[in-house]
Amino acid sequence: MSTINKTKLSDVKITPVQQMISSCTGSFLTSILVTPLDVVKIRLQAQQKEFMKNKCFVYCNGLMDHVCYCLTNGGNNNNNNNSKFNDKQIHDLWYRRPNYFNGTMDGLIKIARHEGITSLWSGLPPTLIMAVPATVMYFTIYDQLRDRLRKKFQQQTQIDSLGNLLIPAMAGGSARMVAATVISPLEMIRTKMQSQKLSYHEIHLAIRKLIRSEGIFRLWNGLNATLLRDVPFSIIYWLNYENIKHFLLINVNNQIDVDDFDFGISFFSGAISGSIAATITLPFDVVKTHRQIELGNQLINDNNNSSKKTKDILKKIYQEHGYRGLFTGIVPRLIRVAPACAIMISSYEAGKNFFRRYNYSKMIEQQQQQQLESTSLTK
């Protein structure tokens, strides 16, 4: 019994499956709370300028960005790629519904009032198919790597402030690289299926044809632009999150363990860290958006011309718009990223804390049972 009493709650380990469940719960909560903001943003964009046929726009559910396909312009369905969609399906597309919004809040209220509250989550189900597994993979790998690196540092030398800085950065960057690499081909496949409403058999044939003609690495076309934004974002985010959280736990709650949990501190740390990372990596986000849309258009139109390199896009934006062009959309990005990061990390930490307490209670029960058995044997 004494061994358990000396064990801190934060020292109790949780299993990878429990980490996955926690991150999955956080993913759903983030998507439910953040998606309406992006739905309104896209509807506002659509009312300012009609989406062109066979073009793409970027949709975000709070977890990751996705390329979405614009079926037609002005209701004219003359393109062969659109032959499987009838006029009613085109008319009912959520991003083409009548627009009459004066801003984000006005859009949220009017959509819920006139179209039903479920319209605020239009387009969410297909994006969750990839977003949730990618997020689960990302957070689970991060925690596993961070714990292993901490253990390795502690075995080799006394962990110090430099170690505290390096461990979250290394684990975050590595976890994002793995998750982005795995999900990249699926994003390309999803865009192709969405654009032409292909069956699974048809998409299988299309992928085989693509691999035979251009090689298997074509499935990862555009990954460099994704990694160029997402890996630095993750490095900056986790570095700041772990250290801001640790600082607040010491100075606000007078706690010294970096794994102690406080929902408010996790929420605040996530929002600040996400804002810092989003601001620093914004130029790469602008480039990634250009590349995503360009690659989506090529994929939809079976255009295999090579995309411009990232440095060429950066150079062009700078020449045309200066530094301001590289930081276009900073306010909308922060409005979306800050709450998404705050909700995701605080929900994830809350889930882990729940399982940690559950495992701790199981340890107590097992110890008590062993003590009872030992006492009965002695008697």
Protein backbone atom coordinates (compact mmCIF):
# COMPACT_ATOMS: atom_id res chain seq x y z
CA MET A 1 0.00 0.00 0.00
CA SER A 2 2.81 2.39 0.82
CA THR A 3 4.27 2.08 -2.65
CA ILE A 4 1.04 3.32 -4.19
CA ASN A 5 0.58 6.14 -1.70
CA LYS A 6 4.01 7.47 -2.69
CA THR A 7 3.15 7.31 -6.39
CA LYS A 8 2.06 10.65 -7.81
CA LEU A 9 -0.98 10.74 -10.06
CA SER A 10 1.10 12.31 -12.82
CA ASP A 11 3.50 9.34 -12.68
CA VAL A 12 0.75 6.89 -13.56
CA LYS A 13 1.07 5.83 -17.20
CA ILE A 14 -1.78 5.57 -19.67
CA THR A 15 -1.82 3.13 -22.56
CA PRO A 16 -1.56 4.09 -26.27
CA VAL A 17 -5.18 2.98 -26.70
CA GLN A 18 -6.26 5.39 -23.96
CA GLN A 19 -4.24 8.14 -25.65
CA MET A 20 -6.02 7.37 -28.92
CA ILE A 21 -9.44 7.54 -27.27
CA SER A 22 -8.52 10.87 -25.68
CA SER A 23 -7.32 12.37 -28.96
CA CYS A 24 -10.36 11.01 -30.81
CA THR A 25 -12.67 12.71 -28.32
CA GLY A 26 -10.72 15.94 -28.69
CA SER A 27 -10.95 15.66 -32.48
CA PHE A 28 -14.73 15.41 -32.47
CA LEU A 29 -15.14 18.29 -30.02
CA THR A 30 -12.79 20.49 -32.02
CA SER A 31 -14.57 19.72 -35.27
CA ILE A 32 -18.01 20.35 -33.79
CA LEU A 33 -17.01 23.71 -32.30
CA VAL A 34 -14.71 25.07 -35.04
CA THR A 35 -16.31 23.86 -38.29
CA PRO A 36 -19.16 26.45 -38.23
CA LEU A 37 -16.57 29.24 -38.39
CA ASP A 38 -15.07 27.86 -41.59
CA VAL A 39 -18.47 27.13 -43.13
CA VAL A 40 -19.43 30.78 -42.68
CA LYS A 41 -16.02 31.92 -43.98
CA ILE A 42 -16.46 29.92 -47.19
CA ARG A 43 -20.03 31.17 -47.65
CA LEU A 44 -18.81 34.75 -47.23
CA GLN A 45 -16.12 34.11 -49.84
CA ALA A 46 -18.68 32.61 -52.21
CA GLN A 47 -21.00 35.62 -51.99
CA GLN A 48 -18.13 37.96 -52.82
CA LYS A 49 -16.94 35.96 -55.82
CA GLU A 50 -18.62 33.00 -57.53
CA PHE A 51 -16.60 29.82 -57.24
CA MET A 52 -15.37 28.87 -60.70
CA LYS A 53 -16.17 25.49 -62.21
CA ASN A 54 -13.45 22.84 -61.90
CA LYS A 55 -11.71 24.94 -59.25
CA CYS A 56 -10.99 24.20 -55.62
CA PHE A 57 -11.21 25.87 -52.24
CA VAL A 58 -9.64 24.94 -48.92
CA TYR A 59 -11.96 23.77 -46.14
CA CYS A 60 -10.89 23.33 -42.52
CA ASN A 61 -12.71 21.51 -39.73
CA GLY A 62 -10.35 22.74 -37.03
CA LEU A 63 -8.06 19.73 -37.33
CA MET A 64 -6.64 19.89 -40.84
CA ASP A 65 -7.15 21.54 -44.22
CA HIS A 66 -8.87 19.79 -47.11
CA VAL A 67 -9.20 20.63 -50.80
CA CYS A 68 -12.86 20.77 -51.84
CA TYR A 69 -14.09 20.68 -55.43
CA CYS A 70 -16.35 23.33 -57.01
CA LEU A 71 -18.82 21.54 -59.25
CA THR A 72 -19.96 24.33 -61.50
CA ASN A 73 -20.25 28.07 -62.04
CA GLY A 74 -23.64 29.69 -62.27
CA GLY A 75 -25.45 26.36 -62.62
CA ASN A 76 -24.04 25.50 -66.04
CA ASN A 77 -23.14 21.85 -65.97
CA ASN A 78 -21.32 21.36 -69.24
CA ASN A 79 -18.10 19.77 -68.13
CA ASN A 80 -17.66 16.03 -68.60
CA ASN A 81 -16.26 15.69 -65.09
CA ASN A 82 -19.64 16.80 -63.73
CA SER A 83 -21.76 14.36 -65.75
CA LYS A 84 -22.66 12.25 -62.72
CA PHE A 85 -24.30 15.18 -60.88
CA ASN A 86 -27.81 16.35 -61.68
CA ASP A 87 -29.08 19.95 -61.46
CA LYS A 88 -30.71 19.43 -58.07
CA GLN A 89 -27.51 18.05 -56.53
CA ILE A 90 -25.58 21.04 -57.85
CA HIS A 91 -28.21 23.50 -56.63
CA ASP A 92 -28.23 21.95 -53.14
CA LEU A 93 -24.46 22.18 -52.60
CA TRP A 94 -23.90 23.83 -49.24
CA TYR A 95 -21.35 26.37 -50.49
CA ARG A 96 -23.67 27.51 -53.34
CA ARG A 97 -26.74 28.28 -51.25
CA PRO A 98 -28.06 31.88 -51.33
CA ASN A 99 -25.75 34.27 -49.48
CA TYR A 100 -26.90 37.30 -47.52
CA PHE A 101 -24.43 37.66 -44.67
CA ASN A 102 -22.87 40.84 -43.29
CA GLY A 103 -20.21 39.06 -41.25
CA THR A 104 -19.31 35.93 -39.31
CA MET A 105 -21.79 36.36 -36.46
CA ASP A 106 -24.55 37.40 -38.85
CA GLY A 107 -23.79 34.30 -40.94
CA LEU A 108 -23.91 31.95 -37.95
CA ILE A 109 -27.30 33.30 -36.85
CA LYS A 110 -28.92 33.39 -40.30
CA ILE A 111 -27.72 29.93 -41.36
CA ALA A 112 -29.06 28.39 -38.14
CA ARG A 113 -32.35 30.31 -38.42
CA HIS A 114 -33.14 29.83 -42.13
CA GLU A 115 -31.35 26.60 -43.09
CA GLY A 116 -31.32 24.66 -39.87
CA ILE A 117 -28.55 24.42 -37.32
CA THR A 118 -27.06 21.31 -38.97
CA SER A 119 -26.08 23.45 -41.98
CA LEU A 120 -23.33 24.94 -39.82
CA TRP A 121 -21.57 21.58 -40.12
CA SER A 122 -21.98 21.22 -43.89
CA GLY A 123 -19.21 19.22 -45.51
CA LEU A 124 -17.93 17.87 -42.18
CA PRO A 125 -18.50 14.07 -42.47
CA PRO A 126 -16.12 13.40 -45.40
CA THR A 127 -13.35 15.47 -43.85
CA LEU A 128 -13.66 13.67 -40.51
CA ILE A 129 -12.87 10.38 -42.26
CA MET A 130 -9.26 11.52 -42.58
CA ALA A 131 -8.98 14.27 -40.00
CA VAL A 132 -9.77 12.13 -36.96
CA PRO A 133 -7.36 9.26 -37.78
CA ALA A 134 -4.63 11.78 -38.67
CA THR A 135 -5.13 13.66 -35.40
CA VAL A 136 -5.23 10.46 -33.35
CA MET A 137 -1.99 9.32 -35.00
CA TYR A 138 -0.35 12.73 -34.49
CA PHE A 139 -1.11 13.14 -30.78
CA THR A 140 -0.41 9.52 -29.88
CA ILE A 141 2.96 9.54 -31.66
CA TYR A 142 3.83 12.85 -30.01
CA ASP A 143 3.16 11.55 -26.51
CA GLN A 144 5.00 8.29 -27.13
CA LEU A 145 8.06 10.08 -28.58
CA ARG A 146 8.08 12.72 -25.85
CA ASP A 147 8.01 10.12 -23.08
CA ARG A 148 10.75 8.06 -24.73
CA LEU A 149 12.95 11.13 -25.24
CA ARG A 150 12.44 12.22 -21.63
CA LYS A 151 13.46 8.78 -20.43
CA LYS A 152 16.52 8.78 -22.68
CA PHE A 153 17.60 12.25 -21.52
CA GLN A 154 17.17 11.28 -17.87
CA GLN A 155 19.24 8.12 -18.34
CA GLN A 156 22.13 9.91 -20.06
CA THR A 157 22.25 13.15 -18.13
CA GLN A 158 20.28 15.23 -15.70
CA ILE A 159 17.43 16.75 -17.71
CA ASP A 160 17.73 20.55 -17.83
CA SER A 161 16.03 23.55 -19.40
CA LEU A 162 17.63 22.80 -22.77
CA GLY A 163 16.22 19.30 -22.65
CA ASN A 164 12.78 20.66 -21.81
CA LEU A 165 13.00 22.85 -24.90
CA LEU A 166 14.32 20.21 -27.26
CA ILE A 167 12.08 17.29 -26.31
CA PRO A 168 8.69 18.84 -27.26
CA ALA A 169 10.19 20.34 -30.43
CA MET A 170 11.70 17.06 -31.61
CA ALA A 171 8.65 14.99 -30.72
CA GLY A 172 6.19 17.47 -32.25
CA GLY A 173 8.08 17.85 -35.53
CA SER A 174 8.57 14.09 -35.92
CA ALA A 175 4.94 13.27 -35.11
CA ARG A 176 3.62 15.80 -37.63
CA MET A 177 5.99 14.53 -40.33
CA VAL A 178 4.71 10.96 -39.90
CA ALA A 179 1.01 11.93 -39.80
CA ALA A 180 1.24 14.28 -42.81
CA THR A 181 3.15 11.73 -44.88
CA VAL A 182 0.61 8.98 -44.19
CA ILE A 183 -2.43 11.15 -44.92
CA SER A 184 -1.12 12.90 -48.06
CA PRO A 185 -2.06 10.18 -50.59
CA LEU A 186 -5.51 9.84 -48.99
CA GLU A 187 -6.14 13.55 -49.49
CA MET A 188 -5.35 13.22 -53.19
CA ILE A 189 -7.64 10.18 -53.50
CA ARG A 190 -10.46 11.93 -51.63
CA THR A 191 -10.24 14.99 -53.89
CA LYS A 192 -10.42 12.79 -56.99
CA MET A 193 -13.43 10.86 -55.65
CA GLN A 194 -15.21 14.06 -54.68
CA SER A 195 -14.62 15.75 -58.03
CA GLN A 196 -15.92 12.93 -60.22
CA LYS A 197 -18.04 10.87 -57.80
CA LEU A 198 -16.04 7.76 -58.56
CA SER A 199 -16.79 4.36 -57.08
CA TYR A 200 -14.10 2.57 -55.08
CA HIS A 201 -13.42 0.32 -58.07
CA GLU A 202 -13.06 3.31 -60.38
CA ILE A 203 -10.74 5.15 -58.02
CA HIS A 204 -8.66 1.98 -57.71
CA LEU A 205 -8.25 1.87 -61.48
CA ALA A 206 -7.44 5.60 -61.59
CA ILE A 207 -4.73 5.20 -58.94
CA ARG A 208 -3.19 2.22 -60.74
CA LYS A 209 -3.10 4.23 -63.96
CA LEU A 210 -1.52 7.19 -62.17
CA ILE A 211 1.17 5.03 -60.55
CA ARG A 212 2.00 3.24 -63.81
CA SER A 213 2.34 6.48 -65.76
CA GLU A 214 4.11 8.69 -63.20
CA GLY A 215 5.31 6.44 -60.40
CA ILE A 216 4.08 5.84 -56.87
CA PHE A 217 5.60 9.06 -55.52
CA ARG A 218 3.01 11.04 -57.51
CA LEU A 219 0.63 10.20 -54.64
CA TRP A 220 2.76 12.42 -52.40
CA ASN A 221 2.83 15.36 -54.80
CA GLY A 222 2.55 18.56 -52.75
CA LEU A 223 3.79 16.95 -49.53
CA ASN A 224 6.81 19.27 -49.39
CA ALA A 225 4.60 22.35 -49.11
CA THR A 226 2.54 20.67 -46.40
CA LEU A 227 5.61 19.67 -44.38
CA LEU A 228 7.13 23.12 -44.83
CA ARG A 229 4.23 24.62 -42.92
CA ASP A 230 3.03 21.85 -40.62
CA VAL A 231 6.38 20.62 -39.25
CA PRO A 232 7.62 24.10 -38.16
CA PHE A 233 4.12 24.80 -36.82
CA SER A 234 4.25 21.66 -34.68
CA ILE A 235 7.78 22.37 -33.46
CA ILE A 236 6.87 25.92 -32.41
CA TYR A 237 3.50 24.89 -31.00
CA TRP A 238 4.68 22.06 -28.75
CA LEU A 239 7.80 23.92 -27.65
CA ASN A 240 5.67 26.85 -26.49
CA TYR A 241 2.78 24.77 -25.14
CA GLU A 242 4.85 22.56 -22.86
CA ASN A 243 6.90 25.45 -21.51
CA ILE A 244 4.01 27.93 -21.10
CA LYS A 245 2.00 25.22 -19.33
CA HIS A 246 4.94 24.37 -17.08
CA PHE A 247 5.52 28.05 -16.27
CA LEU A 248 1.85 28.62 -15.38
CA LEU A 249 1.64 25.46 -13.28
CA ILE A 250 4.62 26.63 -11.21
CA ASN A 251 3.62 30.29 -10.87
CA VAL A 252 -0.18 30.03 -10.74
CA ASN A 253 -0.93 26.63 -9.20
CA ASN A 254 2.37 26.18 -7.35
CA GLN A 255 2.77 22.76 -8.99
CA ILE A 256 6.15 21.49 -10.12
CA ASP A 257 5.23 18.48 -12.26
CA VAL A 258 4.97 19.17 -16.00
CA ASP A 259 2.34 16.43 -16.34
CA ASP A 260 -0.07 17.87 -13.77
CA PHE A 261 -3.42 18.81 -15.30
CA ASP A 262 -5.38 22.04 -15.12
CA PHE A 263 -8.05 22.55 -17.81
CA GLY A 264 -7.83 26.35 -17.78
CA ILE A 265 -4.04 26.36 -18.06
CA SER A 266 -4.10 23.79 -20.87
CA PHE A 267 -6.75 25.79 -22.74
CA PHE A 268 -4.89 29.09 -22.38
CA SER A 269 -1.50 27.55 -23.22
CA GLY A 270 -2.95 25.89 -26.31
CA ALA A 271 -4.51 29.14 -27.56
CA ILE A 272 -1.34 31.20 -27.05
CA SER A 273 0.95 28.53 -28.50
CA GLY A 274 -1.30 28.04 -31.52
CA SER A 275 -1.42 31.80 -32.15
CA ILE A 276 2.38 32.13 -31.99
CA ALA A 277 2.92 29.16 -34.32
CA ALA A 278 0.22 30.33 -36.75
CA THR A 279 1.72 33.81 -36.98
CA ILE A 280 5.30 32.65 -37.55
CA THR A 281 4.36 30.05 -40.16
CA LEU A 282 1.74 32.16 -41.98
CA PRO A 283 3.88 32.72 -45.13
CA PHE A 284 4.14 28.94 -45.53
CA ASP A 285 0.37 28.66 -44.97
CA VAL A 286 -0.20 31.11 -47.84
CA VAL A 287 2.08 29.01 -50.07
CA LYS A 288 0.43 25.78 -48.98
CA THR A 289 -3.00 27.16 -49.87
CA HIS A 290 -1.73 28.11 -53.34
CA ARG A 291 -0.21 24.66 -53.79
CA GLN A 292 -3.25 22.78 -52.48
CA ILE A 293 -5.63 24.57 -54.84
CA GLU A 294 -3.24 24.26 -57.78
CA LEU A 295 -2.71 20.54 -57.22
CA GLY A 296 -6.43 20.01 -56.71
CA ASN A 297 -7.20 21.73 -60.02
CA GLN A 298 -4.56 19.62 -61.79
CA LEU A 299 -5.94 16.42 -60.29
CA ILE A 300 -9.54 17.23 -61.20
CA ASN A 301 -8.69 18.15 -64.78
CA ASP A 302 -6.15 15.31 -65.21
CA ASN A 303 -3.50 17.93 -65.79
CA ASN A 304 -0.13 16.50 -64.89
CA ASN A 305 1.93 19.64 -65.37
CA SER A 306 4.38 20.06 -62.52
CA SER A 307 3.51 22.64 -59.89
CA LYS A 308 5.62 25.68 -59.18
CA LYS A 309 8.19 25.21 -56.48
CA THR A 310 7.50 26.64 -53.06
CA LYS A 311 10.32 29.17 -53.32
CA ASP A 312 8.92 30.39 -56.66
CA ILE A 313 5.48 30.97 -55.12
CA LEU A 314 7.04 32.83 -52.18
CA LYS A 315 9.09 34.97 -54.57
CA LYS A 316 6.06 35.78 -56.74
CA ILE A 317 3.90 36.75 -53.76
CA TYR A 318 6.67 38.96 -52.38
CA GLN A 319 7.27 40.66 -55.74
CA GLU A 320 3.56 41.38 -56.24
CA HIS A 321 2.46 42.26 -52.71
CA GLY A 322 5.58 42.63 -50.54
CA TYR A 323 5.82 41.28 -47.01
CA ARG A 324 2.16 42.09 -46.43
CA GLY A 325 1.23 39.53 -49.08
CA LEU A 326 3.09 36.81 -47.19
CA PHE A 327 0.97 37.50 -44.11
CA THR A 328 -2.38 37.73 -45.90
CA GLY A 329 -5.27 36.41 -43.80
CA ILE A 330 -3.53 36.62 -40.42
CA VAL A 331 -6.73 37.58 -38.55
CA PRO A 332 -8.98 34.82 -40.00
CA ARG A 333 -6.20 32.28 -39.43
CA LEU A 334 -5.78 33.28 -35.79
CA ILE A 335 -9.55 33.29 -35.24
CA ARG A 336 -9.66 29.71 -36.48
CA VAL A 337 -6.35 28.30 -35.18
CA ALA A 338 -6.34 29.69 -31.63
CA PRO A 339 -9.67 28.17 -30.50
CA ALA A 340 -8.99 24.95 -32.42
CA CYS A 341 -5.65 24.46 -30.66
CA ALA A 342 -7.12 25.41 -27.28
CA ILE A 343 -10.11 23.06 -27.58
CA MET A 344 -8.09 20.15 -28.97
CA ILE A 345 -5.27 20.18 -26.44
CA SER A 346 -7.44 20.85 -23.37
CA SER A 347 -9.89 18.10 -24.39
CA TYR A 348 -7.00 15.73 -25.05
CA GLU A 349 -5.36 16.52 -21.71
CA ALA A 350 -8.72 16.12 -19.93
CA GLY A 351 -9.15 12.69 -21.51
CA LYS A 352 -5.67 11.62 -20.48
CA ASN A 353 -6.28 12.91 -16.95
CA PHE A 354 -9.50 10.87 -16.77
CA PHE A 355 -7.68 7.67 -17.80
CA ARG A 356 -4.76 8.46 -15.49
CA ARG A 357 -7.15 8.71 -12.53
CA TYR A 358 -8.89 5.53 -13.67
CA ASN A 359 -5.58 3.65 -13.84
CA TYR A 360 -4.55 5.07 -10.49
CA SER A 361 -7.75 3.81 -8.84
CA LYS A 362 -7.15 0.39 -10.40
CA MET A 363 -3.66 0.36 -8.89
CA ILE A 364 -5.13 1.12 -5.46
CA GLU A 365 -7.71 -1.63 -5.82
CA GLN A 366 -5.12 -4.17 -6.91
CA GLN A 367 -2.83 -3.24 -4.02
CA GLN A 368 -5.67 -3.53 -1.53
CA GLN A 369 -6.64 -6.91 -2.96
CA GLN A 370 -3.06 -8.14 -2.68
CA GLN A 371 -2.87 -6.89 0.89
CA LEU A 372 -6.09 -8.70 1.81
CA GLU A 373 -4.85 -11.91 0.22
CA SER A 374 -1.52 -11.58 2.04
CA THR A 375 -3.30 -10.99 5.38
CA SER A 376 -5.60 -14.00 4.89
CA LEU A 377 -2.64 -16.25 4.06
CA THR A 378 -0.80 -15.10 7.20
CA LYS A 379 -3.80 -15.94 9.36
